[in-house]
Amino acid sequence: MTSMTTRGYSDRINHAFAFAAKHHDRQVRKGTRLPYLTHPANVAVILTRYGRDEETVIAGILHDVIEDCVREHYTREMLEQRIGDKFGAEVLETVLAVTHRESDDDGSPFSPEEKRDDYLERLKDASPRALWVCAADKIHNGSSILTDLRRTLDPDTVWGRFSVGKQGTIRWYRRVHDRLAALSFAEPIMDELRVVAEQLEALSESAPAAPLAPQTPAGV
């Protein structure tokens, strides 16, 4: 029997891209005109660079759907069910592990800082697959900030996109890196995440942050 070599993405990964494109339709990256799908696509590229399996890449593509795509006709529960039905329980579990929650177990709404604290706390129960997605997500988001800062003459136009401002945004990437390290996640991708955090921290003494402002989804 002649063996067959699969080239390019699988049907399941192509299906995941189509699913993400449908649900992120008309969403753009924060402060830009880039289609939001460029973010999960880049997360998939990063995960593929590190040789991650299909389930991890699919979770990377879908990681923001539940968090950012609740709208008319789609509740959070419906999105969870659709992902589970179409891509399986492991993908759904991974996506949920890296999805920010809006409220605690009793239904009390989180403040922005509490939401981030809850995200970091829940990583202790996350699978290694979810930690890979977390790291790849933050690498692309942080690298995008750095790229935009290099392209602008007014850094405040970049920092002003984020509800926690310049210092809060810089601190967030360091917190994620340090939390993953504390959980003994020592995969090669951590070197790349560390460099992103350090490059952002190198900007911490530069021009003052812009005033805080409400934002569209960005996956910080």
Protein backbone atom coordinates (compact mmCIF):
# COMPACT_ATOMS: atom_id res chain seq x y z
CA MET A 1 0.00 0.00 0.00
CA THR A 2 1.33 3.42 -0.93
CA SER A 3 1.46 5.86 1.97
CA MET A 4 -0.02 9.32 1.51
CA THR A 5 1.56 12.50 2.76
CA THR A 6 -0.80 15.22 3.96
CA ARG A 7 0.34 18.65 2.89
CA GLY A 8 -0.99 21.94 4.18
CA TYR A 9 -3.79 22.26 6.70
CA SER A 10 -6.27 19.45 7.32
CA ASP A 11 -9.99 19.66 6.63
CA ARG A 12 -10.63 20.15 10.36
CA ILE A 13 -8.27 23.11 10.53
CA ASN A 14 -9.80 24.64 7.42
CA HIS A 15 -13.20 24.11 9.03
CA ALA A 16 -11.96 25.89 12.16
CA PHE A 17 -10.82 28.87 10.07
CA ALA A 18 -14.22 29.03 8.37
CA PHE A 19 -15.96 28.81 11.76
CA ALA A 20 -13.80 31.59 13.24
CA ALA A 21 -14.27 33.75 10.12
CA LYS A 22 -18.04 33.44 10.42
CA HIS A 23 -18.14 34.41 14.10
CA HIS A 24 -15.48 37.16 13.95
CA ASP A 25 -17.12 38.63 10.84
CA ARG A 26 -16.91 42.45 10.80
CA GLN A 27 -14.69 42.51 13.89
CA VAL A 28 -11.34 44.27 13.55
CA ARG A 29 -8.16 44.33 15.58
CA LYS A 30 -8.18 47.00 18.26
CA GLY A 31 -7.23 50.40 16.87
CA THR A 32 -6.71 49.07 13.33
CA ARG A 33 -8.63 48.11 10.20
CA LEU A 34 -7.18 44.61 10.16
CA PRO A 35 -9.79 41.84 10.15
CA TYR A 36 -9.87 40.18 13.55
CA LEU A 37 -9.24 36.81 11.93
CA THR A 38 -5.61 37.85 11.38
CA HIS A 39 -5.06 37.28 15.11
CA PRO A 40 -6.23 33.65 15.46
CA ALA A 41 -4.52 32.92 12.13
CA ASN A 42 -1.23 34.17 13.55
CA VAL A 43 -1.75 32.20 16.74
CA ALA A 44 -2.17 29.10 14.56
CA VAL A 45 1.06 29.94 12.70
CA ILE A 46 2.97 30.28 15.99
CA LEU A 47 1.64 26.96 17.28
CA THR A 48 2.47 25.28 13.99
CA ARG A 49 6.03 26.64 14.15
CA TYR A 50 6.45 24.79 17.42
CA GLY A 51 5.06 21.55 16.00
CA ARG A 52 1.85 21.49 18.04
CA ASP A 53 -0.81 18.91 17.23
CA GLU A 54 -4.03 19.53 15.33
CA GLU A 55 -6.19 19.88 18.43
CA THR A 56 -3.95 22.64 19.78
CA VAL A 57 -3.87 24.52 16.48
CA ILE A 58 -7.67 24.34 16.19
CA ALA A 59 -8.06 25.62 19.76
CA GLY A 60 -5.70 28.46 18.87
CA ILE A 61 -7.88 29.40 15.92
CA LEU A 62 -11.05 29.34 18.03
CA HIS A 63 -9.65 30.73 21.28
CA ASP A 64 -11.49 34.08 21.16
CA VAL A 65 -14.83 32.94 19.74
CA ILE A 66 -16.59 32.41 23.07
CA GLU A 67 -15.09 35.54 24.62
CA ASP A 68 -15.70 37.96 21.76
CA CYS A 69 -18.57 36.62 19.66
CA VAL A 70 -21.55 36.60 22.00
CA ARG A 71 -24.10 38.71 20.15
CA GLU A 72 -27.54 38.53 18.56
CA HIS A 73 -28.47 34.90 17.85
CA TYR A 74 -25.41 33.52 19.71
CA THR A 75 -25.26 33.19 23.48
CA ARG A 76 -22.15 31.96 25.28
CA GLU A 77 -23.86 28.62 25.88
CA MET A 78 -24.67 28.26 22.19
CA LEU A 79 -21.10 29.00 21.17
CA GLU A 80 -19.77 26.47 23.67
CA GLN A 81 -22.13 23.82 22.34
CA ARG A 82 -21.27 24.56 18.71
CA ILE A 83 -17.53 24.30 19.34
CA GLY A 84 -17.95 21.10 21.32
CA ASP A 85 -20.20 19.52 18.73
CA LYS A 86 -18.05 20.48 15.74
CA PHE A 87 -14.52 20.15 17.13
CA GLY A 88 -14.78 17.92 20.20
CA ALA A 89 -14.54 18.12 23.97
CA GLU A 90 -10.75 18.59 24.10
CA VAL A 91 -10.84 21.65 21.85
CA LEU A 92 -13.74 23.12 23.83
CA GLU A 93 -11.94 22.52 27.14
CA THR A 94 -8.84 24.26 25.79
CA VAL A 95 -10.79 27.25 24.51
CA LEU A 96 -12.64 27.65 27.81
CA ALA A 97 -9.36 27.53 29.76
CA VAL A 98 -8.09 30.62 27.91
CA THR A 99 -11.40 32.50 27.81
CA HIS A 100 -11.79 35.42 30.20
CA ARG A 101 -14.86 35.10 32.41
CA GLU A 102 -17.14 38.08 33.00
CA SER A 103 -18.26 37.00 36.48
CA ASP A 104 -17.40 34.62 39.30
CA ASP A 105 -19.09 31.32 40.11
CA ASP A 106 -21.83 33.17 42.02
CA GLY A 107 -22.57 35.48 39.09
CA SER A 108 -20.93 38.59 40.56
CA PRO A 109 -19.36 40.68 37.76
CA PHE A 110 -15.58 40.97 37.69
CA SER A 111 -13.76 44.27 37.49
CA PRO A 112 -11.17 44.42 34.67
CA GLU A 113 -8.39 43.58 37.14
CA GLU A 114 -10.38 40.77 38.74
CA LYS A 115 -11.03 39.34 35.28
CA ARG A 116 -7.29 39.12 34.64
CA ASP A 117 -6.62 37.67 38.09
CA ASP A 118 -9.26 35.00 37.47
CA TYR A 119 -7.70 34.13 34.10
CA LEU A 120 -4.27 33.64 35.65
CA GLU A 121 -5.67 31.68 38.61
CA ARG A 122 -7.57 29.25 36.36
CA LEU A 123 -4.42 28.43 34.41
CA LYS A 124 -3.39 26.14 37.29
CA ASP A 125 -6.12 23.72 36.20
CA ALA A 126 -5.49 24.13 32.47
CA SER A 127 -4.06 21.42 30.24
CA PRO A 128 -0.61 21.77 28.66
CA ARG A 129 -2.44 22.33 25.38
CA ALA A 130 -4.19 25.38 26.85
CA LEU A 131 -0.90 26.77 28.17
CA TRP A 132 0.53 26.57 24.64
CA VAL A 133 -2.46 28.49 23.30
CA CYS A 134 -2.13 31.08 26.07
CA ALA A 135 1.54 31.66 25.28
CA ALA A 136 0.99 31.88 21.51
CA ASP A 137 -1.92 34.28 21.98
CA LYS A 138 0.14 36.63 24.15
CA ILE A 139 3.14 36.44 21.83
CA HIS A 140 1.08 37.63 18.88
CA ASN A 141 -0.78 40.31 20.82
CA GLY A 142 2.39 41.66 22.42
CA SER A 143 4.33 41.54 19.16
CA SER A 144 1.51 43.41 17.43
CA ILE A 145 1.76 46.18 20.02
CA LEU A 146 5.52 46.41 19.45
CA THR A 147 5.07 46.52 15.68
CA ASP A 148 2.45 49.26 15.91
CA LEU A 149 4.68 51.31 18.22
CA ARG A 150 7.52 51.13 15.71
CA ARG A 151 5.22 52.39 12.95
CA THR A 152 3.75 55.39 14.76
CA LEU A 153 5.08 58.83 15.62
CA ASP A 154 2.60 59.06 18.51
CA PRO A 155 2.82 56.10 20.94
CA ASP A 156 -0.22 57.36 22.82
CA THR A 157 -2.39 56.32 19.87
CA VAL A 158 -1.32 52.73 20.55
CA TRP A 159 -1.45 52.71 24.36
CA GLY A 160 -4.79 54.54 24.31
CA ARG A 161 -6.42 51.45 22.78
CA PHE A 162 -6.19 49.50 26.01
CA SER A 163 -8.51 49.85 28.97
CA VAL A 164 -5.64 49.33 31.45
CA GLY A 165 -3.36 51.88 29.75
CA LYS A 166 0.34 51.64 29.01
CA GLN A 167 1.70 50.41 32.33
CA GLY A 168 -1.15 47.97 32.91
CA THR A 169 -0.70 46.49 29.44
CA ILE A 170 3.05 46.09 29.86
CA ARG A 171 2.57 44.51 33.28
CA TRP A 172 -0.02 42.07 31.92
CA TYR A 173 2.41 40.36 29.56
CA ARG A 174 4.98 39.95 32.32
CA ARG A 175 2.30 38.53 34.63
CA VAL A 176 1.27 35.95 32.05
CA HIS A 177 4.89 34.90 31.44
CA ASP A 178 5.61 34.62 35.16
CA ARG A 179 2.40 32.70 35.84
CA LEU A 180 3.23 30.13 33.15
CA ALA A 181 6.76 29.82 34.53
CA ALA A 182 5.39 29.31 38.05
CA LEU A 183 3.25 26.48 36.70
CA SER A 184 6.45 24.80 35.43
CA PHE A 185 5.53 25.40 31.80
CA ALA A 186 9.06 25.33 30.42
CA GLU A 187 8.42 24.71 26.73
CA PRO A 188 10.59 26.46 24.09
CA ILE A 189 7.81 28.97 23.33
CA MET A 190 8.49 30.55 26.72
CA ASP A 191 11.72 32.07 25.42
CA GLU A 192 9.76 33.93 22.75
CA LEU A 193 7.15 35.10 25.26
CA ARG A 194 9.89 36.30 27.63
CA VAL A 195 11.48 38.37 24.86
CA VAL A 196 8.12 40.00 24.07
CA ALA A 197 7.59 40.86 27.75
CA GLU A 198 11.12 42.27 28.04
CA GLN A 199 10.74 44.39 24.91
CA LEU A 200 7.51 45.84 26.24
CA GLU A 201 9.10 46.51 29.62
CA ALA A 202 11.91 48.41 27.89
CA LEU A 203 9.24 50.93 26.87
CA SER A 204 7.97 51.45 30.42
CA GLU A 205 10.10 54.55 31.02
CA SER A 206 9.22 56.22 27.72
CA ALA A 207 6.44 58.70 26.99
CA PRO A 208 3.49 58.75 29.44
CA ALA A 209 0.45 56.62 28.76
CA ALA A 210 -2.61 57.92 26.97
CA PRO A 211 -5.92 58.35 28.84
CA LEU A 212 -7.95 55.17 29.23
CA ALA A 213 -10.75 54.56 26.75
CA PRO A 214 -13.39 51.89 26.03
CA GLN A 215 -12.36 49.41 23.32
CA THR A 216 -13.49 46.82 20.82
CA PRO A 217 -12.36 43.18 21.23
CA ALA A 218 -8.59 42.69 21.03
CA GLY A 219 -7.72 39.66 23.12
CA VAL A 220 -5.23 41.33 25.44
